[in-house]
Protein backbone atom coordinates (compact mmCIF):
# COMPACT_ATOMS: atom_id res chain seq x y z
CA MET A 1 -26.20 45.99 -18.00
CA THR A 2 -28.62 46.12 -20.96
CA LEU A 3 -29.19 42.76 -22.66
CA LEU A 4 -27.14 43.27 -25.58
CA GLU A 5 -24.49 43.93 -23.07
CA TRP A 6 -24.41 41.13 -21.40
CA MET A 7 -24.93 39.22 -24.62
CA ILE A 8 -21.44 40.75 -25.31
CA SER A 9 -19.99 39.93 -21.96
CA TYR A 10 -20.97 36.70 -22.08
CA LEU A 11 -19.45 36.00 -25.80
CA SER A 12 -15.99 37.34 -25.07
CA ASP A 13 -12.87 35.30 -25.21
CA ARG A 14 -11.95 35.93 -21.46
CA ASN A 15 -15.78 34.30 -21.02
CA LYS A 16 -14.99 31.85 -23.49
CA ALA A 17 -11.74 30.43 -21.94
CA ASN A 18 -12.99 30.51 -18.39
CA SER A 19 -16.02 28.75 -19.17
CA LEU A 20 -13.36 26.37 -21.55
CA TYR A 21 -11.52 25.55 -18.07
CA ARG A 22 -14.29 25.19 -15.46
CA ARG A 23 -15.47 22.97 -18.20
CA GLY A 24 -12.12 21.20 -17.86
CA MET A 25 -11.82 21.18 -14.68
CA SER A 26 -14.99 19.39 -13.63
CA LYS A 27 -14.57 16.52 -16.49
CA ALA A 28 -10.59 16.29 -14.03
CA LYS A 29 -12.59 15.63 -11.09
CA LYS A 30 -14.79 12.88 -13.20
CA HIS A 31 -11.35 11.71 -14.19
CA ASN A 32 -12.19 11.88 -17.77
CA HIS A 33 -8.55 13.36 -18.83
CA HIS A 34 -9.21 13.28 -22.45
CA GLY A 35 -11.79 15.20 -22.13
CA ALA A 36 -10.29 17.65 -19.42
CA ILE A 37 -7.29 17.89 -21.69
CA GLU A 38 -8.64 18.35 -24.88
CA ASP A 39 -11.12 21.38 -22.96
CA TYR A 40 -7.65 23.16 -21.07
CA THR A 41 -5.95 22.71 -24.88
CA MET A 42 -9.18 24.90 -26.21
CA ALA A 43 -9.33 27.00 -23.53
CA LEU A 44 -5.68 28.16 -24.24
CA ALA A 45 -5.93 28.52 -27.87
CA VAL A 46 -8.73 31.30 -27.33
CA PRO A 47 -7.19 34.49 -28.42
CA ASP A 48 -7.03 37.52 -25.23
CA THR A 49 -6.80 35.03 -23.24
CA PRO A 50 -4.98 36.76 -20.07
CA SER A 51 -1.43 35.15 -18.93
CA GLU A 52 -3.33 34.62 -15.50
CA MET A 53 -5.71 32.55 -16.52
CA LYS A 54 -3.33 30.57 -19.30
CA ALA A 55 -0.38 29.70 -16.50
CA MET A 56 -3.51 28.12 -14.37
CA ILE A 57 -4.72 26.07 -17.20
CA LEU A 58 -1.42 25.27 -18.04
CA TYR A 59 -0.99 24.18 -14.76
CA ASN A 60 -4.59 22.30 -14.28
CA ARG A 61 -3.65 20.50 -17.85
CA GLY A 62 -0.01 19.16 -16.94
CA LEU A 63 -1.41 17.49 -13.25
CA VAL A 64 -3.66 15.59 -16.30
CA HIS A 65 -1.27 14.49 -18.04
CA VAL A 66 0.83 13.43 -14.73
CA ALA A 67 -3.13 11.58 -13.70
CA ALA A 68 -3.36 10.04 -17.19
CA GLY A 69 0.04 8.76 -17.52
CA MET A 70 1.82 11.12 -19.85
CA ALA A 71 4.03 12.24 -17.24
CA PRO A 72 6.21 13.62 -20.07
CA GLU A 73 3.50 16.04 -21.18
CA GLY A 74 2.83 17.05 -18.18
CA ALA A 75 6.74 18.07 -17.55
CA ASP A 76 6.07 20.12 -20.84
CA ASP A 77 3.03 22.15 -19.05
CA LEU A 78 4.33 22.83 -15.86
CA ASN A 79 8.03 23.95 -17.82
CA ALA A 80 5.59 26.41 -19.32
CA VAL A 81 4.27 27.49 -16.65
CA LEU A 82 7.59 28.11 -14.53
CA ALA A 83 8.51 30.10 -17.64
CA MET A 84 6.11 32.52 -17.76
CA GLU A 85 6.77 35.68 -16.26
CA GLU A 86 2.88 36.78 -15.65
CA ALA A 87 2.06 33.38 -13.70
CA ALA A 88 1.01 33.49 -9.73
CA PRO A 89 4.31 32.85 -7.48
CA ASN A 90 1.94 30.20 -5.97
CA VAL A 91 1.13 28.71 -9.19
CA LYS A 92 4.94 28.71 -10.02
CA SER A 93 5.60 27.14 -6.49
CA ALA A 94 2.36 24.62 -6.88
CA ALA A 95 4.34 23.35 -10.85
CA HIS A 96 7.56 23.53 -9.32
CA LYS A 97 6.45 21.15 -6.52
CA LYS A 98 5.25 19.00 -8.75
CA LEU A 99 7.44 19.08 -10.95
CA SER A 100 9.83 18.15 -8.23
CA ARG A 101 7.74 14.85 -7.82
CA ILE A 102 7.21 13.75 -11.21
CA LYS A 103 11.30 13.87 -10.94
CA ALA A 104 11.43 11.64 -8.03
CA ARG A 105 9.50 9.31 -9.52
CA LYS A 106 11.41 8.74 -12.29
CA SER A 107 14.12 8.52 -10.45
CA LYS A 108 12.76 5.47 -8.79
CA ARG A 109 11.43 3.90 -11.43
CA SER A 110 15.16 3.99 -13.01
CA ALA A 111 17.16 2.44 -9.99
């Protein structure tokens, strides 16, 4: 691979989305919820981000929303994952389980 090919690959949209996704995961691990949500949101806005990656980004952003005390926003992201035909079955399953836990917590608080 030539230097020019490497630079083009590095600057590609997919790589931008992947870099933002990884940075968001790093911030989430450090409990920097706002920063993680911001990075995930920017990754979703990158043109031509593969659908499978978008599903993972939405799933992770949903988890961070919930961890930050923003369960309704998290549920919106998780429901978006469930609506995606291209999302991997394991991602959809994890989103479904998390949504079930959100609903269970909400019903406990209402009782």
